[in-house]
């Protein structure tokens, strides 16, 4: 199946691959899919995580396969005639997921994706990031980052990268960031706080951050309230690329540095971010480098403000 994204950058659209696990319908952003394969017999991994069903070799590479039914606490079965492996790539890691069938690809706008409420979504346990209605059929978008992070925490945001930096001076520059995952938003806040950043404002998606920018713009307080913007790419209502495009198209906002901090930083996504004017782009498994880049960006702003004040 061809999973190349043909969407224009910044249109607030995505393509969702719909698949089946134990008779239920789920979805994943096509941007995370590397390949879709028919079921292959797996070699068990001794002393591996219980959700890792085994591994197989493809094109000279060994891929671990996560049993998604097992992860979701649902009935497990294997039907070689129908089952598929979804091979994914995010945060620089190739991982496979065993599913019970693939339905197809849908093109949707992020505004059509509903954020799960607190009854079905909690920062600590939920693996649902959104719900979309396809002609009366609800498809749940799964948080594959959290699933992988629960199995191998070292591949996600690693706050110990900051702890290894030693003592750092406080930085009071106002930073706005957009991250729809409650868990990851908390981890980003904690990591930036440990790195010495004291003036942080979090939002749940690009639309919320944009509305906050419009509020500051109306008040005439942009300079006091925004030094830098950090954004994920995948978010309900408005994604990070759309947010970036809107910021760069606004005469009063276009000078603000925008850092994309996402699990989807691959070659194609990097080109899209560059075309839209991203200041920097970091994967979520590069937290230490992310802090260094943020330091450089804010130092550059500080030096420019000092030079202007001397004129």
C-alpha atoms as a PDB file:
ATOM      1  CA  UNK A   1       0.000   0.000   0.000  1.00  0.00           C
ATOM      2  CA  UNK A   2       1.352   3.415  -0.930  1.00  0.00           C
ATOM      3  CA  UNK A   3       1.629   5.551   2.191  1.00  0.00           C
ATOM      4  CA  UNK A   4       3.340   8.603   0.742  1.00  0.00           C
ATOM      5  CA  UNK A   5       1.831  11.847   2.012  1.00  0.00           C
ATOM      6  CA  UNK A   6       0.804  14.068  -0.860  1.00  0.00           C
ATOM      7  CA  UNK A   7      -0.668  16.790   1.323  1.00  0.00           C
ATOM      8  CA  UNK A   8       0.499  20.347   0.932  1.00  0.00           C
ATOM      9  CA  UNK A   9       2.340  21.649   3.977  1.00  0.00           C
ATOM     10  CA  UNK A  10       0.364  23.705   6.448  1.00  0.00           C
ATOM     11  CA  UNK A  11      -3.148  22.844   5.188  1.00  0.00           C
ATOM     12  CA  UNK A  12      -4.148  21.354   8.584  1.00  0.00           C
ATOM     13  CA  UNK A  13      -4.912  18.027   6.910  1.00  0.00           C
ATOM     14  CA  UNK A  14      -3.640  14.533   7.589  1.00  0.00           C
ATOM     15  CA  UNK A  15      -4.152  11.034   6.267  1.00  0.00           C
ATOM     16  CA  UNK A  16      -5.318   8.357   8.696  1.00  0.00           C
ATOM     17  CA  UNK A  17      -4.766   4.649   8.179  1.00  0.00           C
ATOM     18  CA  UNK A  18      -7.770   2.800   9.602  1.00  0.00           C
ATOM     19  CA  UNK A  19      -7.098  -0.705  10.937  1.00  0.00           C
ATOM     20  CA  UNK A  20      -8.786  -3.389  13.037  1.00  0.00           C
ATOM     21  CA  UNK A  21      -7.822  -4.931  16.377  1.00  0.00           C
ATOM     22  CA  UNK A  22     -10.166  -7.553  17.853  1.00  0.00           C
ATOM     23  CA  UNK A  23     -13.094  -6.221  15.820  1.00  0.00           C
ATOM     24  CA  UNK A  24     -12.560  -2.603  16.873  1.00  0.00           C
ATOM     25  CA  UNK A  25     -11.521   0.261  14.601  1.00  0.00           C
ATOM     26  CA  UNK A  26      -8.443   2.352  15.232  1.00  0.00           C
ATOM     27  CA  UNK A  27      -6.301   4.828  13.354  1.00  0.00           C
ATOM     28  CA  UNK A  28      -2.745   6.044  12.959  1.00  0.00           C
ATOM     29  CA  UNK A  29      -1.327   9.051  11.126  1.00  0.00           C
ATOM     30  CA  UNK A  30       0.038   7.795   7.797  1.00  0.00           C
ATOM     31  CA  UNK A  31       3.112   9.960   8.423  1.00  0.00           C
ATOM     32  CA  UNK A  32       4.211   7.372  11.010  1.00  0.00           C
ATOM     33  CA  UNK A  33       3.797   4.403   8.666  1.00  0.00           C
ATOM     34  CA  UNK A  34       6.893   3.134   6.936  1.00  0.00           C
ATOM     35  CA  UNK A  35       5.424   0.004   5.403  1.00  0.00           C
ATOM     36  CA  UNK A  36       2.473  -2.407   5.687  1.00  0.00           C
ATOM     37  CA  UNK A  37       3.250  -6.120   5.457  1.00  0.00           C
ATOM     38  CA  UNK A  38       1.287  -9.348   5.608  1.00  0.00           C
ATOM     39  CA  UNK A  39       1.688 -11.469   8.729  1.00  0.00           C
ATOM     40  CA  UNK A  40       5.029 -13.249   9.171  1.00  0.00           C
ATOM     41  CA  UNK A  41       5.934 -15.960  11.697  1.00  0.00           C
ATOM     42  CA  UNK A  42       7.830 -14.392  14.582  1.00  0.00           C
ATOM     43  CA  UNK A  43      10.814 -15.446  16.641  1.00  0.00           C
ATOM     44  CA  UNK A  44      10.121 -15.015  20.384  1.00  0.00           C
ATOM     45  CA  UNK A  45      12.471 -12.669  22.253  1.00  0.00           C
ATOM     46  CA  UNK A  46      13.760 -14.225  25.515  1.00  0.00           C
ATOM     47  CA  UNK A  47      13.020 -12.103  28.614  1.00  0.00           C
ATOM     48  CA  UNK A  48      11.404  -9.452  26.416  1.00  0.00           C
ATOM     49  CA  UNK A  49       8.558  -7.153  27.372  1.00  0.00           C
ATOM     50  CA  UNK A  50       5.279  -9.142  27.532  1.00  0.00           C
ATOM     51  CA  UNK A  51       3.671  -6.915  24.879  1.00  0.00           C
ATOM     52  CA  UNK A  52       6.470  -7.647  22.400  1.00  0.00           C
ATOM     53  CA  UNK A  53       5.261 -10.697  20.496  1.00  0.00           C
ATOM     54  CA  UNK A  54       8.575 -11.387  18.806  1.00  0.00           C
ATOM     55  CA  UNK A  55      10.780 -10.236  15.951  1.00  0.00           C
ATOM     56  CA  UNK A  56      11.329 -10.954  12.280  1.00  0.00           C
ATOM     57  CA  UNK A  57      13.830  -9.939   9.628  1.00  0.00           C
ATOM     58  CA  UNK A  58      13.002  -7.851   6.568  1.00  0.00           C
ATOM     59  CA  UNK A  59      15.494  -6.457   4.064  1.00  0.00           C
ATOM     60  CA  UNK A  60      18.386  -7.197   6.373  1.00  0.00           C
ATOM     61  CA  UNK A  61      16.798  -5.444   9.363  1.00  0.00           C
ATOM     62  CA  UNK A  62      15.363  -7.042  12.497  1.00  0.00           C
ATOM     63  CA  UNK A  63      12.039  -5.518  13.576  1.00  0.00           C
ATOM     64  CA  UNK A  64      10.370  -6.061  16.956  1.00  0.00           C
ATOM     65  CA  UNK A  65       6.603  -6.570  16.768  1.00  0.00           C
ATOM     66  CA  UNK A  66       4.242  -5.304  19.469  1.00  0.00           C
ATOM     67  CA  UNK A  67       1.015  -7.285  19.853  1.00  0.00           C
ATOM     68  CA  UNK A  68      -1.492  -4.419  19.828  1.00  0.00           C
ATOM     69  CA  UNK A  69      -4.399  -6.546  21.076  1.00  0.00           C
ATOM     70  CA  UNK A  70      -2.313  -7.565  24.086  1.00  0.00           C
ATOM     71  CA  UNK A  71      -1.310  -3.948  24.736  1.00  0.00           C
ATOM     72  CA  UNK A  72      -4.957  -2.834  24.614  1.00  0.00           C
ATOM     73  CA  UNK A  73      -6.131  -5.688  26.839  1.00  0.00           C
ATOM     74  CA  UNK A  74      -8.234  -7.266  24.084  1.00  0.00           C
ATOM     75  CA  UNK A  75      -8.707 -10.764  22.719  1.00  0.00           C
ATOM     76  CA  UNK A  76      -5.630 -12.071  20.947  1.00  0.00           C
ATOM     77  CA  UNK A  77      -5.694 -14.223  17.855  1.00  0.00           C
ATOM     78  CA  UNK A  78      -3.597 -14.815  14.770  1.00  0.00           C
ATOM     79  CA  UNK A  79      -5.030 -15.299  11.298  1.00  0.00           C
ATOM     80  CA  UNK A  80      -2.182 -15.335   8.755  1.00  0.00           C
ATOM     81  CA  UNK A  81      -4.705 -14.708   5.955  1.00  0.00           C
ATOM     82  CA  UNK A  82      -5.961 -11.409   7.426  1.00  0.00           C
ATOM     83  CA  UNK A  83      -3.443 -10.166   9.980  1.00  0.00           C
ATOM     84  CA  UNK A  84      -0.977  -7.435   9.073  1.00  0.00           C
ATOM     85  CA  UNK A  85       2.132  -5.779  10.452  1.00  0.00           C
ATOM     86  CA  UNK A  86       2.212  -1.977  10.547  1.00  0.00           C
ATOM     87  CA  UNK A  87       5.870  -0.965  10.390  1.00  0.00           C
ATOM     88  CA  UNK A  88       6.282   2.509  11.864  1.00  0.00           C
ATOM     89  CA  UNK A  89       9.038   5.060  12.200  1.00  0.00           C
ATOM     90  CA  UNK A  90       8.984   7.846  14.786  1.00  0.00           C
ATOM     91  CA  UNK A  91      11.512   9.227  17.251  1.00  0.00           C
ATOM     92  CA  UNK A  92      14.151   7.603  15.067  1.00  0.00           C
ATOM     93  CA  UNK A  93      12.908   4.090  15.909  1.00  0.00           C
ATOM     94  CA  UNK A  94      11.510   1.409  13.590  1.00  0.00           C
ATOM     95  CA  UNK A  95       8.788  -0.635  15.306  1.00  0.00           C
ATOM     96  CA  UNK A  96       6.124  -3.058  14.096  1.00  0.00           C
ATOM     97  CA  UNK A  97       2.559  -3.568  15.349  1.00  0.00           C
ATOM     98  CA  UNK A  98       0.489  -6.725  14.871  1.00  0.00           C
ATOM     99  CA  UNK A  99      -3.086  -5.820  13.842  1.00  0.00           C
ATOM    100  CA  UNK A 100      -6.038  -7.893  12.638  1.00  0.00           C
ATOM    101  CA  UNK A 101      -6.682  -6.143   9.355  1.00  0.00           C
ATOM    102  CA  UNK A 102      -6.327  -2.873   7.452  1.00  0.00           C
ATOM    103  CA  UNK A 103      -9.396  -0.964   6.209  1.00  0.00           C
ATOM    104  CA  UNK A 104      -7.909   1.934   4.222  1.00  0.00           C
ATOM    105  CA  UNK A 105      -6.728   5.517   4.235  1.00  0.00           C
ATOM    106  CA  UNK A 106      -8.882   8.590   4.933  1.00  0.00           C
ATOM    107  CA  UNK A 107      -7.940  12.216   4.360  1.00  0.00           C
ATOM    108  CA  UNK A 108      -9.310  14.459   7.115  1.00  0.00           C
ATOM    109  CA  UNK A 109      -8.844  17.896   8.611  1.00  0.00           C
ATOM    110  CA  UNK A 110      -7.399  18.088  12.109  1.00  0.00           C
ATOM    111  CA  UNK A 111     -10.421  20.193  13.103  1.00  0.00           C
ATOM    112  CA  UNK A 112     -12.606  17.082  12.620  1.00  0.00           C
ATOM    113  CA  UNK A 113     -10.704  15.143  15.262  1.00  0.00           C
ATOM    114  CA  UNK A 114     -12.281  15.203  18.714  1.00  0.00           C
ATOM    115  CA  UNK A 115     -10.044  15.234  21.761  1.00  0.00           C
ATOM    116  CA  UNK A 116     -11.118  12.489  24.208  1.00  0.00           C
ATOM    117  CA  UNK A 117     -12.579  13.915  27.410  1.00  0.00           C
ATOM    118  CA  UNK A 118     -11.355  13.134  30.919  1.00  0.00           C
ATOM    119  CA  UNK A 119     -13.813  10.232  31.254  1.00  0.00           C
ATOM    120  CA  UNK A 120     -11.861   8.178  28.702  1.00  0.00           C
ATOM    121  CA  UNK A 121      -8.515   9.930  28.710  1.00  0.00           C
ATOM    122  CA  UNK A 122      -5.987  10.370  31.504  1.00  0.00           C
ATOM    123  CA  UNK A 123      -2.371  11.418  31.333  1.00  0.00           C
ATOM    124  CA  UNK A 124      -1.143   8.255  33.025  1.00  0.00           C
ATOM    125  CA  UNK A 125      -3.069   5.444  31.334  1.00  0.00           C
ATOM    126  CA  UNK A 126      -4.932   6.379  28.149  1.00  0.00           C
ATOM    127  CA  UNK A 127      -3.564   5.526  24.726  1.00  0.00           C
ATOM    128  CA  UNK A 128      -6.272   7.463  22.840  1.00  0.00           C
ATOM    129  CA  UNK A 129      -5.270  10.794  21.330  1.00  0.00           C
ATOM    130  CA  UNK A 130      -8.387  11.538  19.300  1.00  0.00           C
ATOM    131  CA  UNK A 131     -11.682  10.262  17.912  1.00  0.00           C
ATOM    132  CA  UNK A 132     -12.908  10.750  14.362  1.00  0.00           C
ATOM    133  CA  UNK A 133     -16.354   9.941  12.936  1.00  0.00           C
ATOM    134  CA  UNK A 134     -16.300   8.239   9.529  1.00  0.00           C
ATOM    135  CA  UNK A 135     -19.950   8.115   8.407  1.00  0.00           C
ATOM    136  CA  UNK A 136     -21.211   7.193  11.855  1.00  0.00           C
ATOM    137  CA  UNK A 137     -18.343   4.817  12.676  1.00  0.00           C
ATOM    138  CA  UNK A 138     -16.064   6.072  15.442  1.00  0.00           C
ATOM    139  CA  UNK A 139     -12.367   5.424  14.883  1.00  0.00           C
ATOM    140  CA  UNK A 140     -10.000   5.951  17.811  1.00  0.00           C
ATOM    141  CA  UNK A 141      -6.548   7.385  17.083  1.00  0.00           C
ATOM    142  CA  UNK A 142      -3.988   5.603  19.231  1.00  0.00           C
ATOM    143  CA  UNK A 143      -1.014   7.170  20.968  1.00  0.00           C
ATOM    144  CA  UNK A 144       1.715   4.982  19.508  1.00  0.00           C
ATOM    145  CA  UNK A 145       4.371   7.149  21.151  1.00  0.00           C
ATOM    146  CA  UNK A 146       3.013   6.302  24.599  1.00  0.00           C
ATOM    147  CA  UNK A 147       2.703   2.602  23.740  1.00  0.00           C
ATOM    148  CA  UNK A 148       6.367   2.456  22.695  1.00  0.00           C
ATOM    149  CA  UNK A 149       7.474   4.722  25.558  1.00  0.00           C
ATOM    150  CA  UNK A 150       5.825   2.417  28.124  1.00  0.00           C
ATOM    151  CA  UNK A 151       7.798  -0.503  26.689  1.00  0.00           C
ATOM    152  CA  UNK A 152      11.101   1.341  26.073  1.00  0.00           C
ATOM    153  CA  UNK A 153      11.161   4.699  27.956  1.00  0.00           C
ATOM    154  CA  UNK A 154      14.652   5.502  26.695  1.00  0.00           C
ATOM    155  CA  UNK A 155      13.392   6.174  23.152  1.00  0.00           C
ATOM    156  CA  UNK A 156      11.144   9.101  24.157  1.00  0.00           C
ATOM    157  CA  UNK A 157      11.663  12.326  26.092  1.00  0.00           C
ATOM    158  CA  UNK A 158      14.595  11.757  28.427  1.00  0.00           C
ATOM    159  CA  UNK A 159      14.777  14.424  31.127  1.00  0.00           C
ATOM    160  CA  UNK A 160      18.042  12.940  32.429  1.00  0.00           C
ATOM    161  CA  UNK A 161      19.652  14.701  29.448  1.00  0.00           C
ATOM    162  CA  UNK A 162      19.056  17.942  31.366  1.00  0.00           C
ATOM    163  CA  UNK A 163      20.318  16.568  34.657  1.00  0.00           C
ATOM    164  CA  UNK A 164      23.635  15.759  33.001  1.00  0.00           C
ATOM    165  CA  UNK A 165      24.025  19.427  32.054  1.00  0.00           C
ATOM    166  CA  UNK A 166      24.656  20.377  35.692  1.00  0.00           C
ATOM    167  CA  UNK A 167      23.699  23.726  37.212  1.00  0.00           C
ATOM    168  CA  UNK A 168      22.146  26.206  34.806  1.00  0.00           C
ATOM    169  CA  UNK A 169      21.153  29.820  35.305  1.00  0.00           C
ATOM    170  CA  UNK A 170      17.501  30.811  35.225  1.00  0.00           C
ATOM    171  CA  UNK A 171      15.973  32.078  31.995  1.00  0.00           C
ATOM    172  CA  UNK A 172      12.790  34.136  32.277  1.00  0.00           C
ATOM    173  CA  UNK A 173      12.062  34.486  28.540  1.00  0.00           C
ATOM    174  CA  UNK A 174       8.358  33.765  27.893  1.00  0.00           C
ATOM    175  CA  UNK A 175       7.906  30.503  25.998  1.00  0.00           C
ATOM    176  CA  UNK A 176       4.625  29.202  24.579  1.00  0.00           C
ATOM    177  CA  UNK A 177       4.296  25.555  23.621  1.00  0.00           C
ATOM    178  CA  UNK A 178       1.612  23.357  22.076  1.00  0.00           C
ATOM    179  CA  UNK A 179       1.417  19.637  22.892  1.00  0.00           C
ATOM    180  CA  UNK A 180      -1.805  17.631  22.900  1.00  0.00           C
ATOM    181  CA  UNK A 181      -0.564  14.686  24.991  1.00  0.00           C
ATOM    182  CA  UNK A 182      -1.071  15.459  28.684  1.00  0.00           C
ATOM    183  CA  UNK A 183       1.774  13.134  29.622  1.00  0.00           C
ATOM    184  CA  UNK A 184       4.261  14.618  27.146  1.00  0.00           C
ATOM    185  CA  UNK A 185       3.173  18.177  27.956  1.00  0.00           C
ATOM    186  CA  UNK A 186       3.982  17.539  31.611  1.00  0.00           C
ATOM    187  CA  UNK A 187       7.325  15.976  30.704  1.00  0.00           C
ATOM    188  CA  UNK A 188       8.217  18.957  28.494  1.00  0.00           C
ATOM    189  CA  UNK A 189       7.253  21.391  31.266  1.00  0.00           C
ATOM    190  CA  UNK A 190       9.294  19.472  33.838  1.00  0.00           C
ATOM    191  CA  UNK A 191      12.271  19.198  31.498  1.00  0.00           C
ATOM    192  CA  UNK A 192      12.285  22.888  30.582  1.00  0.00           C
ATOM    193  CA  UNK A 193      11.870  23.826  34.247  1.00  0.00           C
ATOM    194  CA  UNK A 194      14.853  21.652  35.180  1.00  0.00           C
ATOM    195  CA  UNK A 195      16.788  23.410  32.402  1.00  0.00           C
ATOM    196  CA  UNK A 196      16.126  26.777  34.087  1.00  0.00           C
ATOM    197  CA  UNK A 197      13.223  28.100  32.018  1.00  0.00           C
ATOM    198  CA  UNK A 198      10.749  29.748  34.378  1.00  0.00           C
ATOM    199  CA  UNK A 199       8.175  31.455  32.147  1.00  0.00           C
ATOM    200  CA  UNK A 200       6.278  28.659  30.383  1.00  0.00           C
ATOM    201  CA  UNK A 201       2.730  28.638  29.016  1.00  0.00           C
ATOM    202  CA  UNK A 202       1.318  25.335  27.754  1.00  0.00           C
ATOM    203  CA  UNK A 203      -1.563  24.860  25.312  1.00  0.00           C
ATOM    204  CA  UNK A 204      -3.281  21.681  24.113  1.00  0.00           C
ATOM    205  CA  UNK A 205      -3.033  22.265  20.365  1.00  0.00           C
ATOM    206  CA  UNK A 206      -2.098  24.746  17.663  1.00  0.00           C
ATOM    207  CA  UNK A 207      -5.504  26.423  17.721  1.00  0.00           C
ATOM    208  CA  UNK A 208      -5.284  27.214  21.434  1.00  0.00           C
ATOM    209  CA  UNK A 209      -1.807  28.655  20.977  1.00  0.00           C
ATOM    210  CA  UNK A 210      -2.949  30.706  17.975  1.00  0.00           C
ATOM    211  CA  UNK A 211      -5.881  32.113  19.952  1.00  0.00           C
ATOM    212  CA  UNK A 212      -3.462  33.092  22.720  1.00  0.00           C
ATOM    213  CA  UNK A 213      -1.253  34.875  20.184  1.00  0.00           C
ATOM    214  CA  UNK A 214      -4.306  36.757  18.893  1.00  0.00           C
ATOM    215  CA  UNK A 215      -5.157  37.776  22.459  1.00  0.00           C
ATOM    216  CA  UNK A 216      -1.652  39.153  23.047  1.00  0.00           C
ATOM    217  CA  UNK A 217      -1.725  40.853  19.662  1.00  0.00           C
ATOM    218  CA  UNK A 218      -5.027  42.570  20.479  1.00  0.00           C
ATOM    219  CA  UNK A 219      -3.691  43.669  23.876  1.00  0.00           C
ATOM    220  CA  UNK A 220      -0.443  44.884  22.357  1.00  0.00           C
ATOM    221  CA  UNK A 221       1.557  42.599  24.689  1.00  0.00           C
ATOM    222  CA  UNK A 222       3.233  40.233  22.213  1.00  0.00           C
ATOM    223  CA  UNK A 223       6.743  41.422  23.069  1.00  0.00           C
ATOM    224  CA  UNK A 224       6.203  40.886  26.805  1.00  0.00           C
ATOM    225  CA  UNK A 225       4.487  37.506  26.487  1.00  0.00           C
ATOM    226  CA  UNK A 226       6.180  35.656  23.613  1.00  0.00           C
ATOM    227  CA  UNK A 227       9.879  35.135  22.973  1.00  0.00           C
ATOM    228  CA  UNK A 228       9.634  31.704  21.374  1.00  0.00           C
ATOM    229  CA  UNK A 229       7.029  29.150  20.271  1.00  0.00           C
ATOM    230  CA  UNK A 230       7.472  25.376  20.568  1.00  0.00           C
ATOM    231  CA  UNK A 231       5.025  23.102  18.788  1.00  0.00           C
ATOM    232  CA  UNK A 232       4.311  19.459  18.147  1.00  0.00           C
ATOM    233  CA  UNK A 233       3.156  18.499  14.633  1.00  0.00           C
ATOM    234  CA  UNK A 234       0.310  16.058  15.332  1.00  0.00           C
ATOM    235  CA  UNK A 235      -2.496  17.834  17.235  1.00  0.00           C
ATOM    236  CA  UNK A 236      -6.305  17.943  17.025  1.00  0.00           C
ATOM    237  CA  UNK A 237      -7.960  21.180  15.843  1.00  0.00           C
ATOM    238  CA  UNK A 238      -4.763  22.676  14.387  1.00  0.00           C
ATOM    239  CA  UNK A 239      -1.470  20.926  13.706  1.00  0.00           C
ATOM    240  CA  UNK A 240       1.980  22.407  14.126  1.00  0.00           C
ATOM    241  CA  UNK A 241       2.630  22.978  10.428  1.00  0.00           C
ATOM    242  CA  UNK A 242      -0.593  24.960  10.056  1.00  0.00           C
ATOM    243  CA  UNK A 243       0.298  27.004  13.140  1.00  0.00           C
ATOM    244  CA  UNK A 244       3.757  27.717  11.716  1.00  0.00           C
ATOM    245  CA  UNK A 245       2.341  28.813   8.357  1.00  0.00           C
ATOM    246  CA  UNK A 246      -0.107  31.205  10.042  1.00  0.00           C
ATOM    247  CA  UNK A 247       2.618  32.697  12.248  1.00  0.00           C
ATOM    248  CA  UNK A 248       4.921  33.277   9.279  1.00  0.00           C
ATOM    249  CA  UNK A 249       2.097  34.880   7.263  1.00  0.00           C
ATOM    250  CA  UNK A 250       1.286  37.416   9.993  1.00  0.00           C
ATOM    251  CA  UNK A 251       3.393  40.618   9.789  1.00  0.00           C
ATOM    252  CA  UNK A 252       3.368  41.084  13.578  1.00  0.00           C
ATOM    253  CA  UNK A 253       4.257  37.479  14.389  1.00  0.00           C
ATOM    254  CA  UNK A 254       6.573  36.365  11.612  1.00  0.00           C
ATOM    255  CA  UNK A 255       9.734  37.320  13.528  1.00  0.00           C
ATOM    256  CA  UNK A 256       8.959  34.949  16.442  1.00  0.00           C
ATOM    257  CA  UNK A 257      11.160  31.821  16.486  1.00  0.00           C
ATOM    258  CA  UNK A 258       9.152  28.616  16.069  1.00  0.00           C
ATOM    259  CA  UNK A 259      10.711  25.317  17.129  1.00  0.00           C
ATOM    260  CA  UNK A 260       9.081  22.086  15.977  1.00  0.00           C
ATOM    261  CA  UNK A 261       9.502  19.404  18.649  1.00  0.00           C
ATOM    262  CA  UNK A 262       7.921  16.210  17.348  1.00  0.00           C
ATOM    263  CA  UNK A 263       8.296  12.454  17.005  1.00  0.00           C
ATOM    264  CA  UNK A 264       7.736  12.890  13.250  1.00  0.00           C
ATOM    265  CA  UNK A 265      11.020  14.549  12.337  1.00  0.00           C
ATOM    266  CA  UNK A 266      12.131  12.524   9.343  1.00  0.00           C
ATOM    267  CA  UNK A 267      13.603  13.673   6.027  1.00  0.00           C
ATOM    268  CA  UNK A 268      10.238  14.475   4.449  1.00  0.00           C
ATOM    269  CA  UNK A 269       8.851  16.284   7.486  1.00  0.00           C
ATOM    270  CA  UNK A 270      12.075  18.237   7.884  1.00  0.00           C
ATOM    271  CA  UNK A 271      11.732  19.522   4.317  1.00  0.00           C
ATOM    272  CA  UNK A 272       8.143  20.568   5.025  1.00  0.00           C
ATOM    273  CA  UNK A 273       9.159  22.391   8.198  1.00  0.00           C
ATOM    274  CA  UNK A 274      11.974  24.185   6.386  1.00  0.00           C
ATOM    275  CA  UNK A 275       9.653  25.257   3.577  1.00  0.00           C
ATOM    276  CA  UNK A 276       7.288  26.786   6.140  1.00  0.00           C
ATOM    277  CA  UNK A 277      10.046  28.658   7.979  1.00  0.00           C
ATOM    278  CA  UNK A 278      10.752  26.585  11.095  1.00  0.00           C
ATOM    279  CA  UNK A 279      13.579  28.014  13.184  1.00  0.00           C
ATOM    280  CA  UNK A 280      14.635  24.548  14.372  1.00  0.00           C
ATOM    281  CA  UNK A 281      13.266  20.995  14.246  1.00  0.00           C
ATOM    282  CA  UNK A 282      14.047  18.363  16.873  1.00  0.00           C
ATOM    283  CA  UNK A 283      12.828  14.852  17.530  1.00  0.00           C
ATOM    284  CA  UNK A 284      11.418  14.064  20.966  1.00  0.00           C
ATOM    285  CA  UNK A 285      14.270  11.654  21.642  1.00  0.00           C
ATOM    286  CA  UNK A 286      16.737  14.569  21.332  1.00  0.00           C
ATOM    287  CA  UNK A 287      15.811  16.457  24.486  1.00  0.00           C
ATOM    288  CA  UNK A 288      19.357  17.505  25.305  1.00  0.00           C
ATOM    289  CA  UNK A 289      19.924  18.918  21.815  1.00  0.00           C
ATOM    290  CA  UNK A 290      16.500  20.551  22.014  1.00  0.00           C
ATOM    291  CA  UNK A 291      17.607  22.482  25.116  1.00  0.00           C
ATOM    292  CA  UNK A 292      20.885  23.522  23.462  1.00  0.00           C
ATOM    293  CA  UNK A 293      19.021  24.817  20.398  1.00  0.00           C
ATOM    294  CA  UNK A 294      16.571  26.708  22.620  1.00  0.00           C
ATOM    295  CA  UNK A 295      19.497  28.260  24.513  1.00  0.00           C
ATOM    296  CA  UNK A 296      21.041  29.486  21.249  1.00  0.00           C
ATOM    297  CA  UNK A 297      17.751  30.882  19.917  1.00  0.00           C
ATOM    298  CA  UNK A 298      16.982  32.847  23.073  1.00  0.00           C
ATOM    299  CA  UNK A 299      20.582  34.076  23.407  1.00  0.00           C
ATOM    300  CA  UNK A 300      20.375  35.415  19.859  1.00  0.00           C
ATOM    301  CA  UNK A 301      17.145  37.256  20.744  1.00  0.00           C
ATOM    302  CA  UNK A 302      18.728  38.709  23.879  1.00  0.00           C
ATOM    303  CA  UNK A 303      21.782  39.946  21.963  1.00  0.00           C
ATOM    304  CA  UNK A 304      19.592  41.590  19.304  1.00  0.00           C
ATOM    305  CA  UNK A 305      17.490  43.341  21.962  1.00  0.00           C
ATOM    306  CA  UNK A 306      20.630  44.618  23.682  1.00  0.00           C
ATOM    307  CA  UNK A 307      21.994  45.911  20.376  1.00  0.00           C
ATOM    308  CA  UNK A 308      18.699  47.727  19.695  1.00  0.00           C
ATOM    309  CA  UNK A 309      18.722  49.255  23.169  1.00  0.00           C
ATOM    310  CA  UNK A 310      22.218  50.670  22.575  1.00  0.00           C
ATOM    311  CA  UNK A 311      21.178  52.457  19.394  1.00  0.00           C
END
